[in-house]
Amino acid sequence: FNEKGFEAATMEEIAKRAEISKATIYIYFKSKEDLYY
């Protein structure tokens, strides 16, 4: 988010940086909005 801004950031990029699958993120957070919040 800090690097790209909220709008440009994607869940795919976040998952790649965390070295996990995008599906794993959705186990804990419903959406990008939910994660930012």
Full PDB file with SEQRES, HELIX, SHEET, SSBOND, CRYST1, ORIGX, SCALE, CONECT and MASTER records, all heavy atoms in Angstrom:
SEQRES   1 A   37  PHE ASN GLU LYS GLY PHE GLU ALA ALA THR MET GLU GLU          
SEQRES   2 A   37  ILE ALA LYS ARG ALA GLU ILE SER LYS ALA THR ILE TYR          
SEQRES   3 A   37  ILE TYR PHE LYS SER LYS GLU ASP LEU TYR TYR                  
HELIX    1 AA1 MET A   11  ALA A   18  1                                   8    
HELIX    2 AA2 LYS A   22  TYR A   28  1                                   7    
HELIX    3 AA3 LYS A   32  TYR A   36  1                                   5    
CRYST1    1.000    1.000    1.000  90.00  90.00  90.00 P 1           1          
ORIGX1      1.000000  0.000000  0.000000        0.00000                         
ORIGX2      0.000000  1.000000  0.000000        0.00000                         
ORIGX3      0.000000  0.000000  1.000000        0.00000                         
SCALE1      1.000000  0.000000  0.000000        0.00000                         
SCALE2      0.000000  1.000000  0.000000        0.00000                         
SCALE3      0.000000  0.000000  1.000000        0.00000                         
ATOM      1  N   PHE A   1       0.828  -1.207   0.000  1.00  0.00           N  
ATOM      2  CA  PHE A   1       0.000   0.000   0.000  1.00  0.00           C  
ATOM      3  C   PHE A   1       0.862   1.257   0.000  1.00  0.00           C  
ATOM      4  O   PHE A   1       0.578   2.226  -0.705  1.00  0.00           O  
ATOM      5  CB  PHE A   1      -0.928   0.018   1.217  1.00  0.00           C  
ATOM      6  CG  PHE A   1      -2.071  -0.959   1.145  1.00  0.00           C  
ATOM      7  CD1 PHE A   1      -2.506  -1.634   2.286  1.00  0.00           C  
ATOM      8  CD2 PHE A   1      -2.722  -1.202  -0.045  1.00  0.00           C  
ATOM      9  CE1 PHE A   1      -3.557  -2.526   2.235  1.00  0.00           C  
ATOM     10  CE2 PHE A   1      -3.783  -2.097  -0.116  1.00  0.00           C  
ATOM     11  CZ  PHE A   1      -4.209  -2.759   1.031  1.00  0.00           C  
ATOM     12  N   ASN A   2       1.919   1.256   0.810  1.00  0.00           N  
ATOM     13  CA  ASN A   2       2.783   2.430   0.890  1.00  0.00           C  
ATOM     14  C   ASN A   2       3.568   2.649  -0.396  1.00  0.00           C  
ATOM     15  O   ASN A   2       3.866   3.780  -0.771  1.00  0.00           O  
ATOM     16  CB  ASN A   2       3.751   2.297   2.072  1.00  0.00           C  
ATOM     17  CG  ASN A   2       3.110   2.698   3.389  1.00  0.00           C  
ATOM     18  OD1 ASN A   2       2.431   3.706   3.473  1.00  0.00           O  
ATOM     19  ND2 ASN A   2       3.320   1.905   4.424  1.00  0.00           N  
ATOM     20  N   GLU A   3       3.888   1.553  -1.061  1.00  0.00           N  
ATOM     21  CA  GLU A   3       4.672   1.640  -2.296  1.00  0.00           C  
ATOM     22  C   GLU A   3       3.816   2.052  -3.485  1.00  0.00           C  
ATOM     23  O   GLU A   3       4.227   2.875  -4.307  1.00  0.00           O  
ATOM     24  CB  GLU A   3       5.316   0.276  -2.572  1.00  0.00           C  
ATOM     25  CG  GLU A   3       6.186   0.219  -3.807  1.00  0.00           C  
ATOM     26  CD  GLU A   3       6.768  -1.176  -4.021  1.00  0.00           C  
ATOM     27  OE1 GLU A   3       7.464  -1.677  -3.116  1.00  0.00           O  
ATOM     28  OE2 GLU A   3       6.503  -1.762  -5.082  1.00  0.00           O  
ATOM     29  N   LYS A   4       2.593   1.499  -3.590  1.00  0.00           N  
ATOM     30  CA  LYS A   4       1.783   1.684  -4.788  1.00  0.00           C  
ATOM     31  C   LYS A   4       0.514   2.496  -4.557  1.00  0.00           C  
ATOM     32  O   LYS A   4      -0.121   2.923  -5.528  1.00  0.00           O  
ATOM     33  CB  LYS A   4       1.403   0.321  -5.370  1.00  0.00           C  
ATOM     34  CG  LYS A   4       2.602  -0.510  -5.804  1.00  0.00           C  
ATOM     35  CD  LYS A   4       2.218  -1.473  -6.896  1.00  0.00           C  
ATOM     36  CE  LYS A   4       3.457  -2.027  -7.578  1.00  0.00           C  
ATOM     37  NZ  LYS A   4       3.107  -2.909  -8.704  1.00  0.00           N  
ATOM     38  N   GLY A   5       0.135   2.685  -3.294  1.00  0.00           N  
ATOM     39  CA  GLY A   5      -1.137   3.330  -3.013  1.00  0.00           C  
ATOM     40  C   GLY A   5      -2.239   2.296  -2.955  1.00  0.00           C  
ATOM     41  O   GLY A   5      -2.106   1.184  -3.485  1.00  0.00           O  
ATOM     42  N   PHE A   6      -3.344   2.648  -2.312  1.00  0.00           N  
ATOM     43  CA  PHE A   6      -4.426   1.684  -2.112  1.00  0.00           C  
ATOM     44  C   PHE A   6      -5.027   1.207  -3.432  1.00  0.00           C  
ATOM     45  O   PHE A   6      -5.236   0.026  -3.655  1.00  0.00           O  
ATOM     46  CB  PHE A   6      -5.513   2.314  -1.237  1.00  0.00           C  
ATOM     47  CG  PHE A   6      -6.685   1.410  -0.980  1.00  0.00           C  
ATOM     48  CD1 PHE A   6      -6.650   0.486   0.041  1.00  0.00           C  
ATOM     49  CD2 PHE A   6      -7.819   1.478  -1.772  1.00  0.00           C  
ATOM     50  CE1 PHE A   6      -7.730  -0.355   0.277  1.00  0.00           C  
ATOM     51  CE2 PHE A   6      -8.906   0.643  -1.543  1.00  0.00           C  
ATOM     52  CZ  PHE A   6      -8.857  -0.273  -0.511  1.00  0.00           C  
ATOM     53  N   GLU A   7      -5.317   2.150  -4.319  1.00  0.00           N  
ATOM     54  CA  GLU A   7      -6.015   1.801  -5.559  1.00  0.00           C  
ATOM     55  C   GLU A   7      -5.184   0.897  -6.451  1.00  0.00           C  
ATOM     56  O   GLU A   7      -5.694  -0.082  -7.021  1.00  0.00           O  
ATOM     57  CB  GLU A   7      -6.403   3.075  -6.310  1.00  0.00           C  
ATOM     58  CG  GLU A   7      -7.282   2.816  -7.510  1.00  0.00           C  
ATOM     59  CD  GLU A   7      -7.818   4.101  -8.115  1.00  0.00           C  
ATOM     60  OE1 GLU A   7      -7.268   5.174  -7.813  1.00  0.00           O  
ATOM     61  OE2 GLU A   7      -8.788   4.024  -8.887  1.00  0.00           O  
ATOM     62  N   ALA A   8      -3.896   1.182  -6.582  1.00  0.00           N  
ATOM     63  CA  ALA A   8      -3.046   0.422  -7.497  1.00  0.00           C  
ATOM     64  C   ALA A   8      -2.610  -0.924  -6.925  1.00  0.00           C  
ATOM     65  O   ALA A   8      -2.307  -1.858  -7.676  1.00  0.00           O  
ATOM     66  CB  ALA A   8      -1.819   1.243  -7.872  1.00  0.00           C  
ATOM     67  N   ALA A   9      -2.570  -1.039  -5.611  1.00  0.00           N  
ATOM     68  CA  ALA A   9      -2.129  -2.290  -4.987  1.00  0.00           C  
ATOM     69  C   ALA A   9      -3.147  -3.404  -5.250  1.00  0.00           C  
ATOM     70  O   ALA A   9      -4.351  -3.157  -5.307  1.00  0.00           O  
ATOM     71  CB  ALA A   9      -1.970  -2.088  -3.485  1.00  0.00           C  
ATOM     72  N   THR A  10      -2.640  -4.603  -5.436  1.00  0.00           N  
ATOM     73  CA  THR A  10      -3.529  -5.742  -5.667  1.00  0.00           C  
ATOM     74  C   THR A  10      -3.267  -6.826  -4.638  1.00  0.00           C  
ATOM     75  O   THR A  10      -2.187  -6.909  -4.058  1.00  0.00           O  
ATOM     76  CB  THR A  10      -3.313  -6.344  -7.071  1.00  0.00           C  
ATOM     77  OG1 THR A  10      -1.991  -6.928  -7.136  1.00  0.00           O  
ATOM     78  CG2 THR A  10      -3.452  -5.284  -8.155  1.00  0.00           C  
ATOM     79  N   MET A  11      -4.271  -7.666  -4.450  1.00  0.00           N  
ATOM     80  CA  MET A  11      -4.124  -8.783  -3.515  1.00  0.00           C  
ATOM     81  C   MET A  11      -3.069  -9.770  -4.034  1.00  0.00           C  
ATOM     82  O   MET A  11      -2.385 -10.425  -3.252  1.00  0.00           O  
ATOM     83  CB  MET A  11      -5.461  -9.487  -3.312  1.00  0.00           C  
ATOM     84  CG  MET A  11      -6.502  -8.619  -2.621  1.00  0.00           C  
ATOM     85  SD  MET A  11      -6.052  -8.208  -0.926  1.00  0.00           S  
ATOM     86  CE  MET A  11      -7.100  -9.351  -0.021  1.00  0.00           C  
ATOM     87  N   GLU A  12      -2.944  -9.867  -5.357  1.00  0.00           N  
ATOM     88  CA  GLU A  12      -1.929 -10.739  -5.937  1.00  0.00           C  
ATOM     89  C   GLU A  12      -0.531 -10.289  -5.536  1.00  0.00           C  
ATOM     90  O   GLU A  12       0.329 -11.108  -5.171  1.00  0.00           O  
ATOM     91  CB  GLU A  12      -2.051 -10.752  -7.465  1.00  0.00           C  
ATOM     92  CG  GLU A  12      -3.254 -11.501  -8.000  1.00  0.00           C  
ATOM     93  CD  GLU A  12      -4.525 -10.656  -7.999  1.00  0.00           C  
ATOM     94  OE1 GLU A  12      -4.476  -9.488  -7.549  1.00  0.00           O  
ATOM     95  OE2 GLU A  12      -5.574 -11.178  -8.428  1.00  0.00           O  
ATOM     96  N   GLU A  13      -0.286  -8.973  -5.592  1.00  0.00           N  
ATOM     97  CA  GLU A  13       1.020  -8.433  -5.216  1.00  0.00           C  
ATOM     98  C   GLU A  13       1.298  -8.639  -3.731  1.00  0.00           C  
ATOM     99  O   GLU A  13       2.421  -8.952  -3.332  1.00  0.00           O  
ATOM    100  CB  GLU A  13       1.080  -6.951  -5.561  1.00  0.00           C  
ATOM    101  CG  GLU A  13       1.113  -6.674  -7.057  1.00  0.00           C  
ATOM    102  CD  GLU A  13       0.965  -5.197  -7.359  1.00  0.00           C  
ATOM    103  OE1 GLU A  13       0.075  -4.545  -6.781  1.00  0.00           O  
ATOM    104  OE2 GLU A  13       1.751  -4.694  -8.186  1.00  0.00           O  
ATOM    105  N   ILE A  14       0.270  -8.444  -2.922  1.00  0.00           N  
ATOM    106  CA  ILE A  14       0.419  -8.633  -1.476  1.00  0.00           C  
ATOM    107  C   ILE A  14       0.748 -10.088  -1.173  1.00  0.00           C  
ATOM    108  O   ILE A  14       1.637 -10.393  -0.372  1.00  0.00           O  
ATOM    109  CB  ILE A  14      -0.862  -8.198  -0.735  1.00  0.00           C  
ATOM    110  CG1 ILE A  14      -1.054  -6.689  -0.892  1.00  0.00           C  
ATOM    111  CG2 ILE A  14      -0.799  -8.587   0.738  1.00  0.00           C  
ATOM    112  CD1 ILE A  14      -2.415  -6.183  -0.437  1.00  0.00           C  
ATOM    113  N   ALA A  15       0.053 -11.002  -1.833  1.00  0.00           N  
ATOM    114  CA  ALA A  15       0.294 -12.435  -1.626  1.00  0.00           C  
ATOM    115  C   ALA A  15       1.704 -12.819  -2.080  1.00  0.00           C  
ATOM    116  O   ALA A  15       2.395 -13.585  -1.390  1.00  0.00           O  
ATOM    117  CB  ALA A  15      -0.743 -13.244  -2.398  1.00  0.00           C  
ATOM    118  N   LYS A  16       2.131 -12.280  -3.206  1.00  0.00           N  
ATOM    119  CA  LYS A  16       3.472 -12.581  -3.720  1.00  0.00           C  
ATOM    120  C   LYS A  16       4.545 -12.095  -2.759  1.00  0.00           C  
ATOM    121  O   LYS A  16       5.524 -12.803  -2.482  1.00  0.00           O  
ATOM    122  CB  LYS A  16       3.662 -11.943  -5.094  1.00  0.00           C  
ATOM    123  CG  LYS A  16       5.000 -12.268  -5.747  1.00  0.00           C  
ATOM    124  CD  LYS A  16       5.092 -11.648  -7.133  1.00  0.00           C  
ATOM    125  CE  LYS A  16       6.428 -11.979  -7.790  1.00  0.00           C  
ATOM    126  NZ  LYS A  16       6.532 -11.357  -9.148  1.00  0.00           N  
ATOM    127  N   ARG A  17       4.372 -10.889  -2.227  1.00  0.00           N  
ATOM    128  CA  ARG A  17       5.334 -10.336  -1.289  1.00  0.00           C  
ATOM    129  C   ARG A  17       5.387 -11.170  -0.011  1.00  0.00           C  
ATOM    130  O   ARG A  17       6.442 -11.352   0.585  1.00  0.00           O  
ATOM    131  CB  ARG A  17       4.977  -8.890  -0.959  1.00  0.00           C  
ATOM    132  CG  ARG A  17       6.062  -8.129  -0.199  1.00  0.00           C  
ATOM    133  CD  ARG A  17       5.568  -6.747   0.206  1.00  0.00           C  
ATOM    134  NE  ARG A  17       5.402  -5.863  -0.915  1.00  0.00           N  
ATOM    135  CZ  ARG A  17       6.289  -4.956  -1.300  1.00  0.00           C  
ATOM    136  NH1 ARG A  17       7.426  -4.824  -0.646  1.00  0.00           N  
ATOM    137  NH2 ARG A  17       6.055  -4.168  -2.327  1.00  0.00           N  
ATOM    138  N   ALA A  18       4.223 -11.674   0.404  1.00  0.00           N  
ATOM    139  CA  ALA A  18       4.148 -12.487   1.621  1.00  0.00           C  
ATOM    140  C   ALA A  18       4.530 -13.945   1.376  1.00  0.00           C  
ATOM    141  O   ALA A  18       4.633 -14.726   2.326  1.00  0.00           O  
ATOM    142  CB  ALA A  18       2.737 -12.424   2.200  1.00  0.00           C  
ATOM    143  N   GLU A  19       4.713 -14.287   0.102  1.00  0.00           N  
ATOM    144  CA  GLU A  19       5.070 -15.654  -0.291  1.00  0.00           C  
ATOM    145  C   GLU A  19       4.002 -16.661   0.140  1.00  0.00           C  
ATOM    146  O   GLU A  19       4.296 -17.740   0.667  1.00  0.00           O  
ATOM    147  CB  GLU A  19       6.445 -16.046   0.277  1.00  0.00           C  
ATOM    148  CG  GLU A  19       7.577 -15.166  -0.241  1.00  0.00           C  
ATOM    149  CD  GLU A  19       8.936 -15.581   0.280  1.00  0.00           C  
ATOM    150  OE1 GLU A  19       8.977 -16.280   1.312  1.00  0.00           O  
ATOM    151  OE2 GLU A  19       9.944 -15.211  -0.338  1.00  0.00           O  
ATOM    152  N   ILE A  20       2.741 -16.268  -0.105  1.00  0.00           N  
ATOM    153  CA  ILE A  20       1.607 -17.147   0.160  1.00  0.00           C  
ATOM    154  C   ILE A  20       0.645 -17.026  -1.010  1.00  0.00           C  
ATOM    155  O   ILE A  20       0.827 -16.191  -1.905  1.00  0.00           O  
ATOM    156  CB  ILE A  20       0.877 -16.769   1.471  1.00  0.00           C  
ATOM    157  CG1 ILE A  20       0.393 -15.314   1.404  1.00  0.00           C  
ATOM    158  CG2 ILE A  20       1.767 -16.987   2.691  1.00  0.00           C  
ATOM    159  CD1 ILE A  20      -0.428 -14.881   2.602  1.00  0.00           C  
ATOM    160  N   SER A  21      -0.398 -17.835  -1.015  1.00  0.00           N  
ATOM    161  CA  SER A  21      -1.394 -17.747  -2.080  1.00  0.00           C  
ATOM    162  C   SER A  21      -2.406 -16.653  -1.752  1.00  0.00           C  
ATOM    163  O   SER A  21      -2.611 -16.303  -0.585  1.00  0.00           O  
ATOM    164  CB  SER A  21      -2.129 -19.078  -2.238  1.00  0.00           C  
ATOM    165  OG  SER A  21      -2.944 -19.331  -1.105  1.00  0.00           O  
ATOM    166  N   LYS A  22      -3.035 -16.127  -2.801  1.00  0.00           N  
ATOM    167  CA  LYS A  22      -4.071 -15.116  -2.586  1.00  0.00           C  
ATOM    168  C   LYS A  22      -5.220 -15.702  -1.774  1.00  0.00           C  
ATOM    169  O   LYS A  22      -5.820 -15.012  -0.942  1.00  0.00           O  
ATOM    170  CB  LYS A  22      -4.570 -14.585  -3.929  1.00  0.00           C  
ATOM    171  CG  LYS A  22      -5.551 -13.426  -3.797  1.00  0.00           C  
ATOM    172  CD  LYS A  22      -5.840 -12.761  -5.121  1.00  0.00           C  
ATOM    173  CE  LYS A  22      -6.683 -13.664  -5.997  1.00  0.00           C  
ATOM    174  NZ  LYS A  22      -7.187 -12.949  -7.209  1.00  0.00           N  
ATOM    175  N   ALA A  23      -5.507 -16.968  -1.997  1.00  0.00           N  
ATOM    176  CA  ALA A  23      -6.591 -17.626  -1.261  1.00  0.00           C  
ATOM    177  C   ALA A  23      -6.330 -17.627   0.238  1.00  0.00           C  
ATOM    178  O   ALA A  23      -7.262 -17.527   1.044  1.00  0.00           O  
ATOM    179  CB  ALA A  23      -6.766 -19.054  -1.770  1.00  0.00           C  
ATOM    180  N   THR A  24      -5.055 -17.713   0.614  1.00  0.00           N  
ATOM    181  CA  THR A  24      -4.709 -17.715   2.039  1.00  0.00           C  
ATOM    182  C   THR A  24      -5.060 -16.375   2.683  1.00  0.00           C  
ATOM    183  O   THR A  24      -5.531 -16.324   3.823  1.00  0.00           O  
ATOM    184  CB  THR A  24      -3.206 -18.008   2.234  1.00  0.00           C  
ATOM    185  OG1 THR A  24      -2.905 -19.280   1.681  1.00  0.00           O  
ATOM    186  CG2 THR A  24      -2.840 -18.003   3.710  1.00  0.00           C  
ATOM    187  N   ILE A  25      -4.842 -15.281   1.961  1.00  0.00           N  
ATOM    188  CA  ILE A  25      -5.190 -13.962   2.494  1.00  0.00           C  
ATOM    189  C   ILE A  25      -6.679 -13.891   2.790  1.00  0.00           C  
ATOM    190  O   ILE A  25      -7.104 -13.365   3.831  1.00  0.00           O  
ATOM    191  CB  ILE A  25      -4.797 -12.848   1.512  1.00  0.00           C  
ATOM    192  CG1 ILE A  25      -3.286 -12.815   1.302  1.00  0.00           C  
ATOM    193  CG2 ILE A  25      -5.297 -11.488   2.020  1.00  0.00           C  
ATOM    194  CD1 ILE A  25      -2.816 -11.754   0.339  1.00  0.00           C  
ATOM    195  N   TYR A  26      -7.486 -14.456   1.891  1.00  0.00           N  
ATOM    196  CA  TYR A  26      -8.935 -14.376   2.056  1.00  0.00           C  
ATOM    197  C   TYR A  26      -9.448 -15.224   3.225  1.00  0.00           C  
ATOM    198  O   TYR A  26     -10.612 -15.073   3.623  1.00  0.00           O  
ATOM    199  CB  TYR A  26      -9.639 -14.764   0.758  1.00  0.00           C  
ATOM    200  CG  TYR A  26      -9.545 -13.699  -0.313  1.00  0.00           C  
ATOM    201  CD1 TYR A  26      -8.822 -13.919  -1.477  1.00  0.00           C  
ATOM    202  CD2 TYR A  26     -10.168 -12.461  -0.140  1.00  0.00           C  
ATOM    203  CE1 TYR A  26      -8.717 -12.936  -2.455  1.00  0.00           C  
ATOM    204  CE2 TYR A  26     -10.069 -11.472  -1.110  1.00  0.00           C  
ATOM    205  CZ  TYR A  26      -9.348 -11.717  -2.262  1.00  0.00           C  
ATOM    206  OH  TYR A  26      -9.247 -10.727  -3.227  1.00  0.00           O  
ATOM    207  N   ILE A  27      -8.618 -16.064   3.768  1.00  0.00           N  
ATOM    208  CA  ILE A  27      -8.990 -16.802   4.979  1.00  0.00           C  
ATOM    209  C   ILE A  27      -9.108 -15.833   6.157  1.00  0.00           C  
ATOM    210  O   ILE A  27      -9.957 -15.988   7.036  1.00  0.00           O  
ATOM    211  CB  ILE A  27      -7.956 -17.899   5.303  1.00  0.00           C  
ATOM    212  CG1 ILE A  27      -7.984 -18.977   4.211  1.00  0.00           C  
ATOM    213  CG2 ILE A  27      -8.221 -18.520   6.679  1.00  0.00           C  
ATOM    214  CD1 ILE A  27      -6.892 -20.020   4.374  1.00  0.00           C  
ATOM    215  N   TYR A  28      -8.246 -14.789   6.130  1.00  0.00           N  
ATOM    216  CA  TYR A  28      -8.160 -13.858   7.256  1.00  0.00           C  
ATOM    217  C   TYR A  28      -8.821 -12.506   6.981  1.00  0.00           C  
ATOM    218  O   TYR A  28      -9.269 -11.839   7.913  1.00  0.00           O  
ATOM    219  CB  TYR A  28      -6.688 -13.629   7.615  1.00  0.00           C  
ATOM    220  CG  TYR A  28      -5.948 -14.913   7.919  1.00  0.00           C  
ATOM    221  CD1 TYR A  28      -5.168 -15.538   6.940  1.00  0.00           C  
ATOM    222  CD2 TYR A  28      -6.033 -15.505   9.171  1.00  0.00           C  
ATOM    223  CE1 TYR A  28      -4.484 -16.714   7.205  1.00  0.00           C  
ATOM    224  CE2 TYR A  28      -5.359 -16.691   9.451  1.00  0.00           C  
ATOM    225  CZ  TYR A  28      -4.587 -17.286   8.464  1.00  0.00           C  
ATOM    226  OH  TYR A  28      -3.930 -18.465   8.739  1.00  0.00           O  
ATOM    227  N   PHE A  29      -8.864 -12.107   5.712  1.00  0.00           N  
ATOM    228  CA  PHE A  29      -9.414 -10.806   5.353  1.00  0.00           C  
ATOM    229  C   PHE A  29     -10.354 -10.968   4.160  1.00  0.00           C  
ATOM    230  O   PHE A  29      -9.995 -11.599   3.171  1.00  0.00           O  
ATOM    231  CB  PHE A  29      -8.290  -9.827   5.013  1.00  0.00           C  
ATOM    232  CG  PHE A  29      -7.317  -9.615   6.140  1.00  0.00           C  
ATOM    233  CD1 PHE A  29      -6.113 -10.314   6.175  1.00  0.00           C  
ATOM    234  CD2 PHE A  29      -7.604  -8.739   7.181  1.00  0.00           C  
ATOM    235  CE1 PHE A  29      -5.212 -10.147   7.212  1.00  0.00           C  
ATOM    236  CE2 PHE A  29      -6.704  -8.559   8.225  1.00  0.00           C  
ATOM    237  CZ  PHE A  29      -5.511  -9.265   8.250  1.00  0.00           C  
ATOM    238  N   LYS A  30     -11.530 -10.362   4.255  1.00  0.00           N  
ATOM    239  CA  LYS A  30     -12.551 -10.562   3.235  1.00  0.00           C  
ATOM    240  C   LYS A  30     -12.230  -9.867   1.915  1.00  0.00           C  
ATOM    241  O   LYS A  30     -12.672 -10.293   0.853  1.00  0.00           O  
ATOM    242  CB  LYS A  30     -13.904 -10.065   3.756  1.00  0.00           C  
ATOM    243  CG  LYS A  30     -14.462 -10.878   4.911  1.00  0.00           C  
ATOM    244  CD  LYS A  30     -15.822 -10.354   5.363  1.00  0.00           C  
ATOM    245  CE  LYS A  30     -15.698  -8.978   5.986  1.00  0.00           C  
ATOM    246  NZ  LYS A  30     -17.002  -8.497   6.542  1.00  0.00           N  
ATOM    247  N   SER A  31     -11.489  -8.748   1.996  1.00  0.00           N  
ATOM    248  CA  SER A  31     -11.232  -7.958   0.797  1.00  0.00           C  
ATOM    249  C   SER A  31     -10.017  -7.066   1.023  1.00  0.00           C  
ATOM    250  O   SER A  31      -9.504  -6.972   2.141  1.00  0.00           O  
ATOM    251  CB  SER A  31     -12.450  -7.080   0.471  1.00  0.00           C  
ATOM    252  OG  SER A  31     -12.663  -6.155   1.540  1.00  0.00           O  
ATOM    253  N   LYS A  32      -9.585  -6.400  -0.027  1.00  0.00           N  
ATOM    254  CA  LYS A  32      -8.485  -5.444   0.097  1.00  0.00           C  
ATOM    255  C   LYS A  32      -8.891  -4.310   1.028  1.00  0.00           C  
ATOM    256  O   LYS A  32      -8.087  -3.823   1.827  1.00  0.00           O  
ATOM    257  CB  LYS A  32      -8.111  -4.903  -1.292  1.00  0.00           C  
ATOM    258  CG  LYS A  32      -6.914  -3.959  -1.272  1.00  0.00           C  
ATOM    259  CD  LYS A  32      -6.448  -3.599  -2.670  1.00  0.00           C  
ATOM    260  CE  LYS A  32      -7.398  -2.658  -3.372  1.00  0.00           C  
ATOM    261  NZ  LYS A  32      -6.811  -2.079  -4.609  1.00  0.00           N  
ATOM    262  N   GLU A  33     -10.137  -3.881   0.920  1.00  0.00           N  
ATOM    263  CA  GLU A  33     -10.658  -2.839   1.802  1.00  0.00           C  
ATOM    264  C   GLU A  33     -10.590  -3.276   3.267  1.00  0.00           C  
ATOM    265  O   GLU A  33     -10.147  -2.515   4.137  1.00  0.00           O  
ATOM    266  CB  GLU A  33     -12.101  -2.519   1.436  1.00  0.00           C  
ATOM    267  CG  GLU A  33     -12.793  -1.568   2.398  1.00  0.00           C  
ATOM    268  CD  GLU A  33     -14.306  -1.586   2.247  1.00  0.00           C  
ATOM    269  OE1 GLU A  33     -14.920  -2.649   2.462  1.00  0.00           O  
ATOM    270  OE2 GLU A  33     -14.855  -0.531   1.949  1.00  0.00           O  
ATOM    271  N   ASP A  34     -11.001  -4.504   3.520  1.00  0.00           N  
ATOM    272  CA  ASP A  34     -10.993  -5.039   4.881  1.00  0.00           C  
ATOM    273  C   ASP A  34      -9.571  -5.098   5.421  1.00  0.00           C  
ATOM    274  O   ASP A  34      -9.315  -4.782   6.597  1.00  0.00           O  
ATOM    275  CB  ASP A  34     -11.619  -6.444   4.874  1.00  0.00           C  
ATOM    276  CG  ASP A  34     -11.790  -7.015   6.271  1.00  0.00           C  
ATOM    277  OD1 ASP A  34     -12.286  -6.295   7.153  1.00  0.00           O  
ATOM    278  OD2 ASP A  34     -11.431  -8.192   6.476  1.00  0.00           O  
ATOM    279  N   LEU A  35      -8.630  -5.464   4.574  1.00  0.00           N  
ATOM    280  CA  LEU A  35      -7.224  -5.560   4.977  1.00  0.00           C  
ATOM    281  C   LEU A  35      -6.660  -4.171   5.282  1.00  0.00           C  
ATOM    282  O   LEU A  35      -5.999  -3.972   6.310  1.00  0.00           O  
ATOM    283  CB  LEU A  35      -6.430  -6.232   3.858  1.00  0.00           C  
ATOM    284  CG  LEU A  35      -4.917  -6.382   4.031  1.00  0.00           C  
ATOM    285  CD1 LEU A  35      -4.566  -6.996   5.381  1.00  0.00           C  
ATOM    286  CD2 LEU A  35      -4.345  -7.225   2.891  1.00  0.00           C  
ATOM    287  N   TYR A  36      -6.938  -3.213   4.417  1.00  0.00           N  
ATOM    288  CA  TYR A  36      -6.465  -1.841   4.644  1.00  0.00           C  
ATOM    289  C   TYR A  36      -7.042  -1.290   5.951  1.00  0.00           C  
ATOM    290  O   TYR A  36      -6.322  -0.699   6.774  1.00  0.00           O  
ATOM    291  CB  TYR A  36      -6.879  -0.950   3.475  1.00  0.00           C  
ATOM    292  CG  TYR A  36      -6.561   0.510   3.677  1.00  0.00           C  
ATOM    293  CD1 TYR A  36      -5.325   1.028   3.330  1.00  0.00           C  
ATOM    294  CD2 TYR A  36      -7.506   1.368   4.238  1.00  0.00           C  
ATOM    295  CE1 TYR A  36      -5.026   2.369   3.536  1.00  0.00           C  
ATOM    296  CE2 TYR A  36      -7.213   2.702   4.445  1.00  0.00           C  
ATOM    297  CZ  TYR A  36      -5.979   3.201   4.095  1.00  0.00           C  
ATOM    298  OH  TYR A  36      -5.692   4.517   4.305  1.00  0.00           O  
ATOM    299  N   TYR A  37      -8.334  -1.492   6.126  1.00  0.00           N  
ATOM    300  CA  TYR A  37      -9.012  -0.995   7.322  1.00  0.00           C  
ATOM    301  C   TYR A  37      -8.427  -1.615   8.586  1.00  0.00           C  
ATOM    302  O   TYR A  37      -8.213  -0.927   9.590  1.00  0.00           O  
ATOM    303  CB  TYR A  37     -10.496  -1.316   7.211  1.00  0.00           C  
ATOM    304  CG  TYR A  37     -11.373  -0.695   8.267  1.00  0.00           C  
ATOM    305  CD1 TYR A  37     -11.738   0.641   8.181  1.00  0.00           C  
ATOM    306  CD2 TYR A  37     -11.862  -1.449   9.333  1.00  0.00           C  
ATOM    307  CE1 TYR A  37     -12.567   1.221   9.135  1.00  0.00           C  
ATOM    308  CE2 TYR A  37     -12.690  -0.885  10.288  1.00  0.00           C  
ATOM    309  CZ  TYR A  37     -13.042   0.452  10.178  1.00  0.00           C  
ATOM    310  OH  TYR A  37     -13.856   1.020  11.131  1.00  0.00           O  
TER     311      TYR A  37                                                      
MASTER        0    0    0    3    0    0    0    6  310    1    0    3          
END                                                                             
